[in-house]
Amino acid sequence: MWTGNYGGHGRFSYGVIGSEVNLSARLMSKAQPGRILISERMQRQRGAAARFEMTHLGDWPYKGFDAPIRRSFLENVPCHREVMAVWQAAQHDNEEKE
């Protein structure tokens, strides 16, 4: 995943690009209104299984990915703060690996 400025002389933008961004967009497009659909990678993040109930929906092929993606809905999400805590823990874990 990359963040930063991209484009040419006539058009210049700031954004995020990469396979994780593409997968997130594809998952969001398949989620029902008000539901959170996540990939297996997010399910494995530290603390996710302890904080959330998940309903596995099976593997699904997504454009741009060689193998089907295992996906689940988060159930009974208590609040946005809990979701952010898992995301921040995942970011911290990723920073330690780099």
N, C-alpha and C. Protein backbone atom coordinates (compact mmCIF):
# COMPACT_ATOMS: atom_id res chain seq x y z
N MET A 1 0.85 -1.16 0.00
CA MET A 1 0.00 0.00 0.00
C MET A 1 0.90 1.23 0.00
N TRP A 2 0.49 2.22 -0.78
CA TRP A 2 1.26 3.45 -0.87
C TRP A 2 0.35 4.65 -0.65
N THR A 3 0.86 5.63 0.05
CA THR A 3 0.15 6.90 0.20
C THR A 3 1.05 7.99 -0.30
N GLY A 4 0.45 9.02 -0.84
CA GLY A 4 1.24 10.15 -1.27
C GLY A 4 0.64 10.82 -2.48
N ASN A 5 1.43 11.72 -3.04
CA ASN A 5 1.03 12.48 -4.21
C ASN A 5 1.30 11.65 -5.46
N TYR A 6 0.38 11.74 -6.41
CA TYR A 6 0.58 11.08 -7.69
C TYR A 6 -0.12 11.88 -8.77
N GLY A 7 0.24 11.60 -10.00
CA GLY A 7 -0.36 12.31 -11.13
C GLY A 7 0.71 12.97 -11.96
N GLY A 8 0.27 13.80 -12.84
CA GLY A 8 1.18 14.48 -13.74
C GLY A 8 1.12 15.98 -13.58
N HIS A 9 1.74 16.65 -14.53
CA HIS A 9 1.84 18.11 -14.47
C HIS A 9 0.46 18.78 -14.51
N GLY A 10 -0.45 18.25 -15.32
CA GLY A 10 -1.77 18.84 -15.46
C GLY A 10 -2.75 18.46 -14.36
N ARG A 11 -2.52 17.32 -13.75
CA ARG A 11 -3.45 16.86 -12.70
C ARG A 11 -2.64 16.19 -11.60
N PHE A 12 -2.89 16.62 -10.39
CA PHE A 12 -2.10 16.15 -9.26
C PHE A 12 -3.05 15.78 -8.13
N SER A 13 -2.84 14.65 -7.50
CA SER A 13 -3.73 14.18 -6.44
C SER A 13 -2.94 13.57 -5.30
N TYR A 14 -3.59 13.49 -4.15
CA TYR A 14 -3.06 12.76 -3.02
C TYR A 14 -4.00 11.61 -2.76
N GLY A 15 -3.47 10.42 -2.51
CA GLY A 15 -4.34 9.29 -2.26
C GLY A 15 -3.61 8.09 -1.73
N VAL A 16 -4.36 7.01 -1.63
CA VAL A 16 -3.84 5.73 -1.16
C VAL A 16 -4.13 4.72 -2.25
N ILE A 17 -3.12 3.95 -2.63
CA ILE A 17 -3.30 2.94 -3.67
C ILE A 17 -2.67 1.63 -3.21
N GLY A 18 -3.14 0.54 -3.76
CA GLY A 18 -2.58 -0.77 -3.44
C GLY A 18 -3.65 -1.82 -3.30
N SER A 19 -3.24 -3.07 -3.15
CA SER A 19 -4.18 -4.18 -3.12
C SER A 19 -5.11 -4.12 -1.90
N GLU A 20 -4.62 -3.65 -0.75
CA GLU A 20 -5.47 -3.55 0.44
C GLU A 20 -6.60 -2.53 0.22
N VAL A 21 -6.28 -1.46 -0.46
CA VAL A 21 -7.29 -0.44 -0.76
C VAL A 21 -8.32 -1.02 -1.72
N ASN A 22 -7.85 -1.74 -2.74
CA ASN A 22 -8.76 -2.35 -3.71
C ASN A 22 -9.68 -3.36 -3.03
N LEU A 23 -9.11 -4.20 -2.16
CA LEU A 23 -9.92 -5.20 -1.46
C LEU A 23 -10.94 -4.51 -0.56
N SER A 24 -10.54 -3.47 0.14
CA SER A 24 -11.48 -2.74 1.01
C SER A 24 -12.65 -2.20 0.21
N ALA A 25 -12.37 -1.63 -0.95
CA ALA A 25 -13.44 -1.09 -1.79
C ALA A 25 -14.37 -2.20 -2.26
N ARG A 26 -13.81 -3.33 -2.62
CA ARG A 26 -14.63 -4.45 -3.10
C ARG A 26 -15.50 -5.02 -1.96
N LEU A 27 -14.93 -5.14 -0.77
CA LEU A 27 -15.70 -5.61 0.38
C LEU A 27 -16.83 -4.62 0.72
N MET A 28 -16.51 -3.34 0.70
CA MET A 28 -17.53 -2.33 1.00
C MET A 28 -18.68 -2.39 0.00
N SER A 29 -18.35 -2.65 -1.26
CA SER A 29 -19.40 -2.68 -2.28
C SER A 29 -20.33 -3.87 -2.12
N LYS A 30 -19.87 -4.94 -1.46
CA LYS A 30 -20.68 -6.14 -1.25
C LYS A 30 -21.41 -6.15 0.09
N ALA A 31 -21.03 -5.25 0.99
CA ALA A 31 -21.66 -5.22 2.32
C ALA A 31 -23.06 -4.62 2.23
N GLN A 32 -23.95 -5.15 3.03
CA GLN A 32 -25.30 -4.61 3.12
C GLN A 32 -25.24 -3.29 3.90
N PRO A 33 -26.19 -2.41 3.68
CA PRO A 33 -26.19 -1.14 4.42
C PRO A 33 -26.14 -1.36 5.94
N GLY A 34 -25.23 -0.65 6.59
CA GLY A 34 -25.10 -0.75 8.03
C GLY A 34 -24.31 -1.94 8.52
N ARG A 35 -23.77 -2.74 7.61
CA ARG A 35 -23.00 -3.93 7.98
C ARG A 35 -21.53 -3.71 7.69
N ILE A 36 -20.67 -4.38 8.43
CA ILE A 36 -19.22 -4.30 8.22
C ILE A 36 -18.75 -5.66 7.74
N LEU A 37 -18.22 -5.70 6.54
CA LEU A 37 -17.70 -6.92 5.93
C LEU A 37 -16.17 -6.84 5.97
N ILE A 38 -15.52 -7.89 6.52
CA ILE A 38 -14.07 -7.86 6.66
C ILE A 38 -13.44 -9.09 6.03
N SER A 39 -12.15 -8.98 5.73
CA SER A 39 -11.40 -10.09 5.15
C SER A 39 -10.81 -10.96 6.25
N GLU A 40 -10.32 -12.11 5.85
CA GLU A 40 -9.68 -13.02 6.80
C GLU A 40 -8.47 -12.37 7.46
N ARG A 41 -7.74 -11.58 6.71
CA ARG A 41 -6.55 -10.91 7.27
C ARG A 41 -6.94 -10.02 8.45
N MET A 42 -8.03 -9.30 8.31
CA MET A 42 -8.48 -8.44 9.40
C MET A 42 -8.98 -9.27 10.57
N GLN A 43 -9.58 -10.42 10.28
CA GLN A 43 -10.06 -11.30 11.35
C GLN A 43 -8.90 -11.78 12.22
N ARG A 44 -7.74 -11.96 11.61
CA ARG A 44 -6.58 -12.49 12.33
C ARG A 44 -5.84 -11.43 13.12
N GLN A 45 -6.22 -10.17 12.98
CA GLN A 45 -5.53 -9.10 13.70
C GLN A 45 -5.71 -9.26 15.19
N ARG A 46 -4.71 -8.86 15.92
CA ARG A 46 -4.72 -8.98 17.37
C ARG A 46 -5.97 -8.37 17.98
N GLY A 47 -6.66 -9.17 18.78
CA GLY A 47 -7.81 -8.68 19.51
C GLY A 47 -9.14 -8.76 18.79
N ALA A 48 -9.14 -8.99 17.49
CA ALA A 48 -10.40 -8.99 16.75
C ALA A 48 -11.34 -10.10 17.21
N ALA A 49 -10.83 -11.31 17.35
CA ALA A 49 -11.69 -12.45 17.74
C ALA A 49 -12.24 -12.27 19.15
N ALA A 50 -11.49 -11.65 20.03
CA ALA A 50 -11.95 -11.47 21.41
C ALA A 50 -12.99 -10.35 21.52
N ARG A 51 -12.95 -9.38 20.62
CA ARG A 51 -13.84 -8.22 20.73
C ARG A 51 -15.12 -8.33 19.91
N PHE A 52 -15.10 -9.13 18.85
CA PHE A 52 -16.23 -9.14 17.93
C PHE A 52 -16.73 -10.55 17.65
N GLU A 53 -18.03 -10.65 17.47
CA GLU A 53 -18.60 -11.87 16.93
C GLU A 53 -18.54 -11.74 15.41
N MET A 54 -18.22 -12.84 14.73
CA MET A 54 -18.12 -12.79 13.29
C MET A 54 -18.92 -13.92 12.68
N THR A 55 -19.59 -13.63 11.59
CA THR A 55 -20.32 -14.63 10.84
C THR A 55 -19.59 -14.87 9.53
N HIS A 56 -19.02 -16.05 9.38
CA HIS A 56 -18.27 -16.39 8.18
C HIS A 56 -19.24 -16.56 7.01
N LEU A 57 -18.92 -15.93 5.89
CA LEU A 57 -19.79 -15.97 4.72
C LEU A 57 -19.21 -16.81 3.59
N GLY A 58 -18.08 -17.42 3.82
CA GLY A 58 -17.46 -18.21 2.76
C GLY A 58 -16.44 -17.41 1.97
N ASP A 59 -15.79 -18.10 1.09
CA ASP A 59 -14.79 -17.48 0.23
C ASP A 59 -15.47 -16.94 -1.02
N TRP A 60 -14.96 -15.84 -1.51
CA TRP A 60 -15.57 -15.20 -2.65
C TRP A 60 -14.48 -14.68 -3.59
N PRO A 61 -14.62 -14.92 -4.89
CA PRO A 61 -13.61 -14.39 -5.82
C PRO A 61 -13.81 -12.89 -6.02
N TYR A 62 -12.75 -12.14 -5.95
CA TYR A 62 -12.81 -10.71 -6.20
C TYR A 62 -11.88 -10.37 -7.34
N LYS A 63 -12.33 -9.49 -8.19
CA LYS A 63 -11.54 -9.04 -9.34
C LYS A 63 -10.20 -8.48 -8.85
N GLY A 64 -9.13 -8.91 -9.52
CA GLY A 64 -7.80 -8.41 -9.18
C GLY A 64 -7.06 -9.26 -8.17
N PHE A 65 -7.68 -10.34 -7.66
CA PHE A 65 -7.05 -11.21 -6.67
C PHE A 65 -7.02 -12.63 -7.21
N ASP A 66 -5.88 -13.28 -7.07
CA ASP A 66 -5.70 -14.63 -7.63
C ASP A 66 -6.57 -15.68 -6.94
N ALA A 67 -6.68 -15.58 -5.65
CA ALA A 67 -7.43 -16.59 -4.88
C ALA A 67 -8.68 -15.95 -4.28
N PRO A 68 -9.72 -16.75 -4.04
CA PRO A 68 -10.91 -16.21 -3.37
C PRO A 68 -10.55 -15.66 -1.98
N ILE A 69 -11.28 -14.67 -1.56
CA ILE A 69 -11.05 -14.00 -0.27
C ILE A 69 -12.07 -14.53 0.73
N ARG A 70 -11.59 -15.00 1.88
CA ARG A 70 -12.49 -15.41 2.97
C ARG A 70 -13.03 -14.14 3.62
N ARG A 71 -14.34 -14.10 3.78
CA ARG A 71 -14.95 -12.87 4.30
C ARG A 71 -15.96 -13.19 5.38
N SER A 72 -16.15 -12.23 6.27
CA SER A 72 -17.10 -12.38 7.38
C SER A 72 -17.75 -11.03 7.67
N PHE A 73 -18.95 -11.10 8.25
CA PHE A 73 -19.60 -9.90 8.79
C PHE A 73 -19.25 -9.79 10.25
N LEU A 74 -19.00 -8.56 10.71
CA LEU A 74 -18.89 -8.32 12.15
C LEU A 74 -20.30 -8.23 12.69
N GLU A 75 -20.53 -8.89 13.80
CA GLU A 75 -21.85 -8.88 14.43
C GLU A 75 -21.78 -8.14 15.76
N ASN A 76 -22.87 -7.48 16.12
CA ASN A 76 -23.00 -6.81 17.42
C ASN A 76 -21.82 -5.88 17.71
N VAL A 77 -21.47 -5.06 16.76
CA VAL A 77 -20.36 -4.12 16.96
C VAL A 77 -20.81 -3.07 17.97
N PRO A 78 -20.13 -3.02 19.14
CA PRO A 78 -20.57 -2.13 20.21
C PRO A 78 -20.46 -0.65 19.87
N CYS A 79 -19.38 -0.27 19.22
CA CYS A 79 -19.22 1.13 18.84
C CYS A 79 -18.00 1.28 17.95
N HIS A 80 -17.95 2.41 17.29
CA HIS A 80 -16.85 2.71 16.38
C HIS A 80 -15.50 2.67 17.10
N ARG A 81 -15.47 3.06 18.35
CA ARG A 81 -14.23 3.09 19.13
C ARG A 81 -13.58 1.71 19.20
N GLU A 82 -14.39 0.66 19.35
CA GLU A 82 -13.86 -0.71 19.40
C GLU A 82 -13.23 -1.10 18.07
N VAL A 83 -13.89 -0.76 16.98
CA VAL A 83 -13.35 -1.06 15.66
C VAL A 83 -12.01 -0.35 15.47
N MET A 84 -11.95 0.91 15.87
CA MET A 84 -10.72 1.68 15.74
C MET A 84 -9.61 1.10 16.61
N ALA A 85 -9.92 0.56 17.77
CA ALA A 85 -8.90 -0.03 18.64
C ALA A 85 -8.24 -1.23 17.96
N VAL A 86 -9.04 -2.06 17.31
CA VAL A 86 -8.48 -3.21 16.58
C VAL A 86 -7.62 -2.73 15.42
N TRP A 87 -8.12 -1.73 14.68
CA TRP A 87 -7.37 -1.20 13.54
C TRP A 87 -6.04 -0.61 14.01
N GLN A 88 -6.04 0.15 15.09
CA GLN A 88 -4.81 0.75 15.59
C GLN A 88 -3.83 -0.32 16.06
N ALA A 89 -4.32 -1.38 16.69
CA ALA A 89 -3.44 -2.49 17.10
C ALA A 89 -2.82 -3.14 15.88
N ALA A 90 -3.60 -3.30 14.82
CA ALA A 90 -3.08 -3.89 13.58
C ALA A 90 -2.00 -3.00 12.98
N GLN A 91 -2.22 -1.68 12.98
CA GLN A 91 -1.22 -0.76 12.46
C GLN A 91 0.07 -0.84 13.26
N HIS A 92 -0.07 -0.93 14.58
CA HIS A 92 1.10 -1.04 15.45
C HIS A 92 1.88 -2.32 15.16
N ASP A 93 1.15 -3.44 14.99
CA ASP A 93 1.79 -4.71 14.66
C ASP A 93 2.54 -4.62 13.34
N ASN A 94 1.93 -3.98 12.34
CA ASN A 94 2.57 -3.83 11.04
C ASN A 94 3.82 -2.99 11.12
N GLU A 95 3.79 -1.93 11.92
CA GLU A 95 4.97 -1.06 12.08
C GLU A 95 6.12 -1.83 12.73
N GLU A 96 5.80 -2.70 13.68
CA GLU A 96 6.84 -3.49 14.35
C GLU A 96 7.51 -4.47 13.38
N LYS A 97 6.75 -4.98 12.41
CA LYS A 97 7.29 -5.94 11.44
C LYS A 97 8.22 -5.27 10.44
N GLU A 98 8.01 -3.97 10.19
CA GLU A 98 8.82 -3.27 9.18
C GLU A 98 10.13 -2.84 9.70
